[in-house]
Protein backbone atom coordinates (compact mmCIF):
# COMPACT_ATOMS: atom_id res chain seq x y z
CA MET A 1 -50.93 67.84 8.59
CA HIS A 2 -48.34 70.63 8.72
CA LYS A 3 -46.31 68.90 11.45
CA GLN A 4 -46.36 65.66 9.48
CA SER A 5 -45.16 67.48 6.37
CA ARG A 6 -42.31 69.08 8.33
CA ARG A 7 -41.33 65.67 9.75
CA SER A 8 -41.35 64.20 6.27
CA ARG A 9 -39.10 66.96 4.98
CA TRP A 10 -36.64 66.35 7.82
CA LEU A 11 -36.62 62.59 7.10
CA LEU A 12 -36.09 63.18 3.41
CA ALA A 13 -33.25 65.57 4.15
CA PHE A 14 -31.68 63.02 6.53
CA TYR A 15 -31.96 60.19 3.98
CA ALA A 16 -30.50 62.46 1.29
CA PHE A 17 -27.59 63.25 3.60
CA LEU A 18 -26.99 59.55 4.21
CA ALA A 19 -27.17 58.81 0.50
CA ALA A 20 -24.71 61.59 -0.31
CA LEU A 21 -22.36 60.39 2.40
CA THR A 22 -22.54 56.86 1.04
CA ILE A 23 -21.81 58.01 -2.50
CA LEU A 24 -18.94 60.21 -1.41
CA SER A 25 -17.43 57.49 0.74
CA GLY A 26 -17.48 55.15 -2.23
CA VAL A 27 -16.16 57.66 -4.73
CA HIS A 28 -13.43 59.25 -2.71
CA PRO A 29 -11.20 56.20 -2.26
CA ALA A 30 -11.47 55.38 -5.94
CA ARG A 31 -10.19 58.86 -6.80
CA ALA A 32 -7.37 58.68 -4.28
CA GLN A 33 -6.41 55.09 -4.86
CA THR A 34 -3.44 54.35 -7.09
CA PRO A 35 -4.27 51.51 -9.50
CA ASN A 36 -2.29 48.39 -8.60
CA VAL A 37 -0.83 45.74 -10.83
CA GLU A 38 -0.11 42.23 -9.55
CA VAL A 39 3.23 40.88 -10.76
CA LEU A 40 4.02 37.16 -10.92
CA THR A 41 7.37 35.58 -11.81
CA PHE A 42 7.62 31.99 -13.02
CA ARG A 43 10.68 30.19 -14.35
CA GLY A 44 10.64 26.58 -15.46
CA PRO A 45 8.38 24.00 -17.09
CA VAL A 46 4.62 24.35 -17.02
CA THR A 47 3.54 22.39 -13.94
CA PRO A 48 0.53 22.29 -11.60
CA ILE A 49 2.42 24.89 -9.56
CA LEU A 50 1.92 27.50 -12.30
CA VAL A 51 -1.81 26.70 -12.43
CA SER A 52 -2.30 27.17 -8.70
CA TYR A 53 0.00 30.23 -8.66
CA LEU A 54 -1.97 31.98 -11.40
CA GLU A 55 -5.34 31.02 -9.94
CA ARG A 56 -4.35 32.36 -6.51
CA SER A 57 -2.97 35.57 -8.00
CA LEU A 58 -6.10 36.25 -10.08
CA ALA A 59 -8.26 35.86 -6.98
CA GLN A 60 -5.96 38.27 -5.12
CA ALA A 61 -6.13 40.74 -8.00
CA ARG A 62 -9.94 40.69 -7.95
CA SER A 63 -9.93 41.19 -4.19
CA ASN A 64 -7.48 44.12 -4.44
CA GLY A 65 -9.27 45.72 -7.37
CA SER A 66 -6.06 45.51 -9.43
CA GLN A 67 -6.27 46.58 -13.04
CA ALA A 68 -4.01 43.79 -14.37
CA VAL A 69 -1.99 40.69 -13.57
CA ILE A 70 1.44 40.56 -15.21
CA LEU A 71 3.04 37.10 -15.52
CA GLN A 72 6.78 37.29 -16.15
CA LEU A 73 7.39 33.96 -17.88
CA ASP A 74 10.39 31.88 -18.92
CA THR A 75 9.40 28.31 -19.76
CA PRO A 76 10.39 25.49 -22.12
CA GLY A 77 6.76 24.32 -22.11
CA GLY A 78 5.07 21.34 -20.54
CA SER A 79 1.84 19.42 -20.34
CA VAL A 80 -0.87 20.22 -22.88
CA ASP A 81 -3.56 19.54 -20.26
CA LEU A 82 -2.01 22.03 -17.83
CA MET A 83 -1.60 24.56 -20.65
CA GLN A 84 -5.30 24.32 -21.41
CA ASP A 85 -6.17 24.79 -17.72
CA ILE A 86 -4.09 27.98 -17.65
CA ILE A 87 -5.61 29.29 -20.88
CA GLN A 88 -9.11 28.70 -19.52
CA LEU A 89 -8.22 30.64 -16.37
CA MET A 90 -6.96 33.56 -18.44
CA LEU A 91 -9.89 33.66 -20.85
CA ALA A 92 -12.43 33.47 -18.03
CA SER A 93 -10.68 36.13 -15.93
CA ASP A 94 -12.35 39.50 -15.44
CA VAL A 95 -8.90 40.93 -14.66
CA PRO A 96 -6.69 41.46 -17.73
CA VAL A 97 -3.72 39.09 -17.88
CA VAL A 98 -0.41 40.24 -19.33
CA VAL A 99 2.25 37.65 -20.25
CA TYR A 100 5.73 39.17 -20.37
CA VAL A 101 8.45 36.82 -21.69
CA SER A 102 11.44 37.99 -19.72
CA PRO A 103 14.26 38.60 -18.94
CA SER A 104 16.47 38.85 -22.00
CA GLY A 105 17.29 35.30 -23.12
CA ALA A 106 13.99 33.90 -21.82
CA HIS A 107 11.86 31.61 -23.95
CA ALA A 108 8.16 30.90 -24.22
CA GLY A 109 8.40 27.47 -25.82
CA SER A 110 5.88 24.76 -26.57
CA ALA A 111 2.95 25.21 -24.16
CA GLY A 112 4.42 28.61 -23.18
CA THR A 113 3.77 29.83 -26.72
CA LEU A 114 0.02 29.27 -26.53
CA ILE A 115 -0.13 30.68 -22.99
CA THR A 116 1.47 33.88 -24.30
CA LEU A 117 -0.91 34.02 -27.26
CA ALA A 118 -3.91 33.63 -24.90
CA ALA A 119 -2.99 36.68 -22.82
CA HIS A 120 -4.94 39.91 -23.13
CA VAL A 121 -1.55 41.60 -23.59
CA ALA A 122 1.58 39.82 -24.84
CA ALA A 123 5.04 41.32 -24.41
CA MET A 124 8.63 40.18 -24.73
CA ALA A 125 12.01 41.39 -23.54
CA PRO A 126 14.73 42.09 -26.15
CA GLY A 127 16.70 38.91 -26.80
CA SER A 128 13.85 36.58 -25.79
CA SER A 129 12.11 34.09 -28.09
CA ILE A 130 8.77 32.39 -28.63
CA GLY A 131 7.57 29.34 -30.58
CA ALA A 132 8.55 25.70 -31.20
CA ALA A 133 5.16 24.44 -30.06
CA SER A 134 5.10 21.10 -31.88
CA PRO A 135 3.72 18.34 -29.62
CA VAL A 136 6.06 15.56 -28.48
CA GLY A 137 5.68 12.46 -26.33
CA GLU A 138 7.17 11.75 -22.94
CA GLY A 139 10.84 12.54 -22.74
CA GLY A 140 10.72 14.29 -26.11
CA ALA A 141 9.97 11.08 -28.00
CA GLU A 142 8.11 11.21 -31.31
CA LEU A 143 4.40 10.51 -31.06
CA PRO A 144 2.70 7.86 -33.22
CA ASP A 145 1.52 9.43 -36.48
CA THR A 146 -2.21 9.12 -35.76
CA ILE A 147 -1.98 10.59 -32.27
CA LYS A 148 0.41 13.33 -33.39
CA SER A 149 -1.88 14.29 -36.28
CA LYS A 150 -4.89 14.61 -33.98
CA LEU A 151 -2.96 16.61 -31.38
CA VAL A 152 -1.44 18.90 -34.00
CA ASN A 153 -4.88 19.62 -35.44
CA ILE A 154 -6.29 20.45 -32.00
CA LEU A 155 -3.38 22.69 -31.04
CA THR A 156 -3.39 24.40 -34.42
CA ALA A 157 -7.08 25.22 -34.04
CA ASP A 158 -6.45 26.55 -30.53
CA ALA A 159 -3.51 28.67 -31.74
CA GLU A 160 -5.54 30.12 -34.61
CA ASN A 161 -8.45 30.98 -32.30
CA LEU A 162 -6.11 32.73 -29.88
CA THR A 163 -4.36 34.80 -32.56
CA LYS A 164 -7.14 35.67 -35.03
CA ARG A 165 -7.64 39.01 -33.25
CA ARG A 166 -4.00 39.83 -34.04
CA GLY A 167 -4.17 39.47 -37.81
CA GLU A 168 -3.29 36.98 -40.54
CA LYS A 169 0.48 37.15 -40.03
CA ALA A 170 0.09 36.23 -36.35
CA VAL A 171 -2.27 33.38 -37.26
CA ALA A 172 0.21 32.06 -39.83
CA PHE A 173 3.02 32.14 -37.27
CA ALA A 174 0.91 30.36 -34.65
CA ARG A 175 0.06 27.65 -37.17
CA GLN A 176 3.71 27.19 -38.14
CA ALA A 177 4.82 27.15 -34.50
CA VAL A 178 2.63 24.08 -33.93
CA GLU A 179 3.04 22.32 -37.27
CA GLU A 180 6.68 23.15 -38.05
CA ALA A 181 8.13 24.08 -34.65
CA ARG A 182 8.78 27.62 -35.90
CA ALA A 183 10.25 30.06 -33.40
CA ALA A 184 10.67 33.84 -33.50
CA THR A 185 12.69 36.54 -31.80
CA ALA A 186 11.03 39.42 -30.00
CA ASP A 187 11.52 41.71 -33.01
CA GLU A 188 10.07 39.12 -35.39
CA ALA A 189 7.11 38.47 -33.11
CA LYS A 190 6.38 42.20 -32.90
CA ALA A 191 6.58 42.61 -36.67
CA LEU A 192 4.15 39.68 -37.13
CA GLY A 193 1.69 41.10 -34.60
CA VAL A 194 2.14 38.11 -32.29
CA ILE A 195 2.94 40.38 -29.36
CA ASP A 196 1.92 43.91 -28.43
CA PHE A 197 5.10 45.30 -26.89
CA ILE A 198 8.85 44.85 -26.64
CA ALA A 199 9.86 46.10 -23.20
CA ARG A 200 13.30 46.39 -21.60
CA ASP A 201 11.92 45.84 -18.12
CA LEU A 202 8.74 46.00 -16.08
CA ASP A 203 8.77 49.81 -15.81
CA ASP A 204 9.13 50.11 -19.57
CA LEU A 205 6.23 47.70 -20.06
CA LEU A 206 3.95 49.67 -17.71
CA ALA A 207 4.82 52.89 -19.49
CA GLN A 208 3.94 51.38 -22.90
CA MET A 209 0.72 49.82 -21.58
CA ASN A 210 -0.61 53.20 -20.35
CA GLY A 211 -3.66 54.10 -22.43
CA PHE A 212 -3.71 50.69 -24.20
CA THR A 213 -7.19 49.18 -24.57
CA VAL A 214 -8.03 45.47 -24.47
CA MET A 215 -11.25 43.47 -24.55
CA VAL A 216 -11.96 41.46 -21.37
CA ASN A 217 -15.04 39.25 -21.51
CA GLY A 218 -16.57 41.51 -24.16
CA GLN A 219 -15.83 44.75 -22.30
CA ALA A 220 -13.22 47.33 -23.26
CA ARG A 221 -10.56 48.03 -20.60
CA THR A 222 -8.09 50.89 -20.88
CA PHE A 223 -4.98 50.70 -18.74
CA ALA A 224 -3.84 53.56 -16.56
CA THR A 225 -0.42 52.19 -15.67
CA GLU A 226 1.70 55.33 -15.81
CA THR A 227 1.57 55.72 -12.02
CA ALA A 228 0.53 52.15 -11.17
CA GLN A 229 2.07 50.47 -8.15
CA THR A 230 3.31 46.93 -8.62
CA ASN A 231 2.49 44.27 -6.09
CA GLU A 232 4.90 41.31 -6.25
CA VAL A 233 3.11 38.01 -5.67
CA PRO A 234 5.75 35.47 -4.59
CA LEU A 235 5.49 31.73 -4.83
CA GLY A 236 4.56 30.11 -1.52
CA LEU A 237 7.26 28.16 0.32
CA LEU A 238 5.88 24.80 -0.80
CA GLU A 239 5.24 26.10 -4.33
CA ASP A 240 8.84 27.36 -4.50
CA LEU A 241 10.19 23.99 -3.34
CA LEU A 242 8.10 21.96 -5.77
CA ASN A 243 8.92 24.34 -8.60
CA ALA A 244 12.65 23.99 -7.84
CA VAL A 245 12.54 20.19 -8.13
CA THR A 246 11.07 20.49 -11.62
CA ASN A 247 14.47 21.75 -12.73
CA PRO A 248 15.86 18.77 -14.72
CA THR A 249 19.31 19.03 -13.13
CA ILE A 250 17.91 19.17 -9.60
CA ALA A 251 15.52 16.29 -10.32
CA ALA A 252 18.43 14.17 -11.58
CA ILE A 253 20.54 15.02 -8.53
CA LEU A 254 17.67 14.19 -6.15
CA LEU A 255 17.07 10.87 -7.95
CA THR A 256 20.74 9.95 -7.64
CA LEU A 257 20.91 11.04 -4.00
CA GLY A 258 17.73 9.15 -3.12
CA LEU A 259 18.86 5.88 -4.72
CA ASN A 260 22.32 6.14 -3.12
CA ALA A 261 20.92 6.83 0.34
CA LEU A 262 18.21 4.18 0.16
CA LEU A 263 20.52 1.44 -1.08
CA TYR A 264 23.10 2.33 1.55
CA GLU A 265 20.38 1.98 4.20
CA LEU A 266 19.43 -1.44 2.81
CA SER A 267 23.06 -2.57 2.82
CA SER A 268 23.72 -1.30 6.33
CA PRO A 269 20.38 -1.18 8.16
CA GLY A 270 19.76 0.25 11.58
CA GLY A 271 20.60 3.94 11.35
CA TYR A 272 17.40 5.02 9.54
CA ALA A 273 18.83 8.48 8.74
CA ALA A 274 20.03 7.45 5.28
CA GLY A 275 16.72 5.71 4.60
CA ILE A 276 14.67 8.77 5.58
CA VAL A 277 16.83 11.07 3.43
CA GLY A 278 16.56 8.62 0.56
CA VAL A 279 12.76 8.36 0.70
CA ILE A 280 12.33 12.17 0.86
CA ALA A 281 14.76 12.72 -2.02
CA LEU A 282 13.07 10.07 -4.17
CA LEU A 283 9.59 11.49 -3.53
CA LEU A 284 10.73 14.95 -4.59
CA ALA A 285 12.56 13.49 -7.59
CA PHE A 286 9.51 11.55 -8.75
CA TYR A 287 7.40 14.69 -8.46
CA GLY A 288 9.89 16.47 -10.71
CA LEU A 289 10.02 13.54 -13.13
CA GLY A 290 6.23 13.44 -13.36
CA ALA A 291 5.92 17.17 -13.88
CA LEU A 292 8.60 17.09 -16.57
CA GLU A 293 7.04 14.06 -18.27
CA ALA A 294 10.32 12.17 -18.06
CA ASN A 295 11.31 9.32 -20.31
CA TRP A 296 10.79 6.26 -18.10
CA VAL A 297 13.15 4.19 -20.25
CA GLY A 298 15.88 6.54 -19.07
CA LEU A 299 14.82 5.93 -15.47
CA GLY A 300 15.07 2.19 -16.13
CA PHE A 301 18.68 2.56 -17.30
CA ILE A 302 19.53 4.49 -14.10
CA ILE A 303 17.99 1.77 -11.89
CA LEU A 304 19.93 -0.85 -13.90
CA ALA A 305 23.11 1.10 -13.19
CA PHE A 306 22.56 0.84 -9.45
CA ALA A 307 21.85 -2.87 -9.73
CA LEU A 308 25.17 -3.35 -11.53
CA PHE A 309 27.01 -1.38 -8.84
CA ILE A 310 25.59 -3.62 -6.11
CA LEU A 311 26.39 -6.81 -8.02
CA ASP A 312 29.99 -5.71 -8.48
CA ILE A 313 30.34 -5.19 -4.73
CA LYS A 314 28.78 -8.53 -3.76
CA ALA A 315 30.45 -10.51 -6.56
CA PRO A 316 33.60 -8.58 -7.55
CA THR A 317 34.37 -8.62 -11.27
CA HIS A 318 37.46 -6.40 -11.16
CA GLY A 319 35.37 -3.35 -12.13
CA ALA A 320 33.57 -4.77 -15.16
CA LEU A 321 30.09 -4.37 -13.67
CA THR A 322 30.97 -0.97 -12.29
CA ALA A 323 32.02 0.19 -15.76
CA GLY A 324 28.74 -1.16 -17.10
CA GLY A 325 26.89 0.67 -14.35
CA VAL A 326 28.56 3.97 -15.22
CA ALA A 327 27.67 3.50 -18.90
CA SER A 328 24.07 2.60 -18.05
CA PHE A 329 23.79 5.64 -15.76
CA VAL A 330 25.13 8.00 -18.44
CA VAL A 331 22.71 6.63 -21.06
CA GLY A 332 19.76 6.81 -18.67
CA ALA A 333 20.45 10.35 -17.50
CA GLY A 334 21.12 11.44 -21.08
CA ILE A 335 17.66 10.40 -22.30
CA LEU A 336 15.82 11.11 -19.06
CA PHE A 337 14.69 14.52 -20.36
CA ASN A 338 15.27 14.32 -24.09
CA THR A 339 14.26 17.79 -25.19
CA PRO A 340 16.49 20.78 -25.93
CA TYR A 341 15.16 22.77 -22.96
CA THR A 342 14.94 20.05 -20.32
CA ALA A 343 18.07 18.00 -20.94
CA VAL A 344 20.47 17.48 -18.03
CA PRO A 345 23.89 19.01 -18.86
CA TRP A 346 26.49 16.39 -19.82
CA PRO A 347 29.08 17.53 -17.22
CA THR A 348 26.41 16.99 -14.54
CA ILE A 349 25.61 13.52 -15.89
CA ILE A 350 29.26 12.42 -15.96
CA GLY A 351 29.87 13.88 -12.50
CA LEU A 352 26.86 12.11 -10.97
CA ALA A 353 27.89 8.79 -12.57
CA LEU A 354 31.46 8.98 -11.24
CA VAL A 355 30.39 10.14 -7.78
CA THR A 356 27.85 7.30 -7.57
CA ALA A 357 30.41 4.69 -8.61
CA ALA A 358 32.91 6.02 -6.05
CA PHE A 359 30.20 6.05 -3.39
CA PHE A 360 29.35 2.44 -3.96
CA ALA A 361 32.98 1.40 -4.08
CA PHE A 362 33.70 3.04 -0.73
CA ALA A 363 30.63 3.49 1.44
CA VAL A 364 28.43 0.58 0.40
CA GLY A 365 31.44 -1.70 -0.04
CA LYS A 366 32.60 -0.86 3.47
CA ALA A 367 29.16 -1.60 4.90
CA LEU A 368 28.97 -4.97 3.15
CA SER A 369 32.45 -5.95 4.30
CA ALA A 370 31.48 -5.07 7.86
CA GLN A 371 28.59 -7.48 7.58
CA ARG A 372 31.02 -10.23 6.50
CA ARG A 373 33.51 -9.47 9.30
CA ARG A 374 33.94 -12.04 12.09
CA PRO A 375 31.66 -11.18 15.04
CA VAL A 376 33.29 -9.68 18.10
CA THR A 377 30.64 -10.76 20.61
CA GLY A 378 28.80 -13.99 21.44
CA ALA A 379 29.92 -17.57 20.98
CA GLU A 380 31.04 -17.02 17.40
CA ALA A 381 33.53 -14.39 18.58
CA LEU A 382 35.54 -17.11 20.36
CA LEU A 383 36.20 -19.08 17.19
CA GLY A 384 39.89 -18.97 16.26
CA SER A 385 40.91 -17.59 19.68
CA ARG A 386 43.89 -19.06 21.51
CA ALA A 387 43.67 -20.33 25.09
CA GLU A 388 46.16 -21.69 27.67
CA VAL A 389 45.61 -25.16 29.10
CA ARG A 390 45.25 -24.97 32.91
CA THR A 391 44.38 -28.64 33.52
CA ALA A 392 45.57 -31.26 31.03
CA LEU A 393 43.10 -32.04 28.29
CA GLU A 394 42.79 -35.83 28.06
CA PRO A 395 40.63 -35.08 26.23
CA ARG A 396 38.71 -32.84 28.70
CA GLY A 397 40.00 -30.27 31.13
CA GLN A 398 40.16 -26.50 31.63
CA VAL A 399 41.57 -23.63 29.60
CA PHE A 400 42.14 -19.94 30.35
CA LEU A 401 40.61 -17.56 27.78
CA ASN A 402 39.98 -13.79 27.95
CA GLY A 403 40.45 -13.76 31.71
CA GLU A 404 38.06 -16.66 32.34
CA LEU A 405 38.33 -20.40 32.97
CA TRP A 406 36.42 -22.55 30.51
CA GLN A 407 35.63 -26.23 30.34
CA ALA A 408 37.25 -27.56 27.19
CA GLU A 409 37.52 -30.76 25.14
CA MET A 410 40.07 -31.73 22.54
CA THR A 411 38.63 -32.65 19.13
CA GLU A 412 41.58 -35.00 18.65
CA GLY A 413 44.54 -36.03 20.76
CA SER A 414 45.43 -34.39 24.08
CA ALA A 415 47.19 -31.26 25.41
CA PRO A 416 49.41 -30.97 28.51
CA LEU A 417 49.32 -28.19 31.13
CA GLY A 418 50.51 -24.86 29.72
CA ALA A 419 49.99 -25.79 26.08
CA GLN A 420 48.34 -23.42 23.62
CA VAL A 421 45.10 -24.51 21.97
CA GLU A 422 42.78 -22.96 19.42
CA VAL A 423 39.00 -22.75 19.81
CA THR A 424 37.20 -24.53 16.96
CA GLY A 425 33.64 -24.69 18.30
CA ARG A 426 31.38 -24.78 21.28
CA GLN A 427 28.97 -27.26 22.84
CA GLY A 428 26.85 -25.57 25.45
CA MET A 429 29.29 -24.17 28.04
CA ARG A 430 32.21 -26.34 26.83
CA LEU A 431 34.72 -25.21 24.21
CA LEU A 432 35.98 -27.52 21.48
CA VAL A 433 39.71 -27.00 20.92
CA ARG A 434 42.73 -28.34 19.08
CA ARG A 435 46.50 -27.93 19.43
CA ALA A 436 47.61 -24.53 18.19
């Protein structure tokens, strides 16, 4: 009984030691660990890339035990559906999400406004802006009244729900941003309670966030960001590429390049290089057009322009069709992204139109003329050639042509020895000739 009691005491002591070691091993790193903050940077329209980027970063933040995810955002807006996906990710996240509209001059427009409002912490850089969240159709076109009314009501309700924790002034601004396209500067947004901080840079934001408390899924979280280490989360290579092609200017350039290359391949087949480049450029361009919700009427005008260029080459009209093609291209590119933040700059549009017209006049025209050129090989290459009569043609005999003797026949009359004749045709291995 005594021995058993002693053994039990030793086992209890051993288990206690293990328990203490386990507790200490779990506590020690937490005390020594510097709290991390994941930092994302996104510039451009709201696209599926932003959704996947944020989702991946939130998962990484949970894995790293980071205390926050900071999204540095500069966007003109984008798809309502994608905006709602992003908001759902943020609201469901157990890691606080901070949206920081930066750098100075950045804008959180349209869908970007509601994304900023949905963040646990909203901040802006001096000189940035937020708002203008009224819904529009593809390419910036006005929506039908019934559809617009329904969409405005939905977005207004969403905006009010996202800002009610920030006070009546913030709710009023959110409502006006959707219904009246109201926008605000950083100072105005701060005064209205729309945002929490105005920060010069990331370090300034972290300093202001230190000790700030937010509610995350019903639980209070207080930031300790004074000594936090930032972990930059870059876009992946493919994400970076696809995000780049959603730039309206780049999308327009890729579209123009793709159409030029593809039509050149069709006019002068056989090399395949131009065709491959054209297909790749068009695929990237169409991704950008889809992500930007382009005006497809504008795309139609651009395709019409290329059709006019080709017609002017095949049936010359002294430049009339080319001029029409340039005008059609300018109109199409001008309305391709018909919103203030996604429009292609006019110098770019004019430059692309003139370069395209010059390309067709030179490159494609040269290819088409080569197709019409007299063949230099085969039977057809002999047509029009001159030969010397070696045996009198009465009407048949022999001629000397390109270093070879040929059987020949006069189409009319005869030709003496040494006379010059011109090849007019061929029958089997016999040339048809006439006096030159």
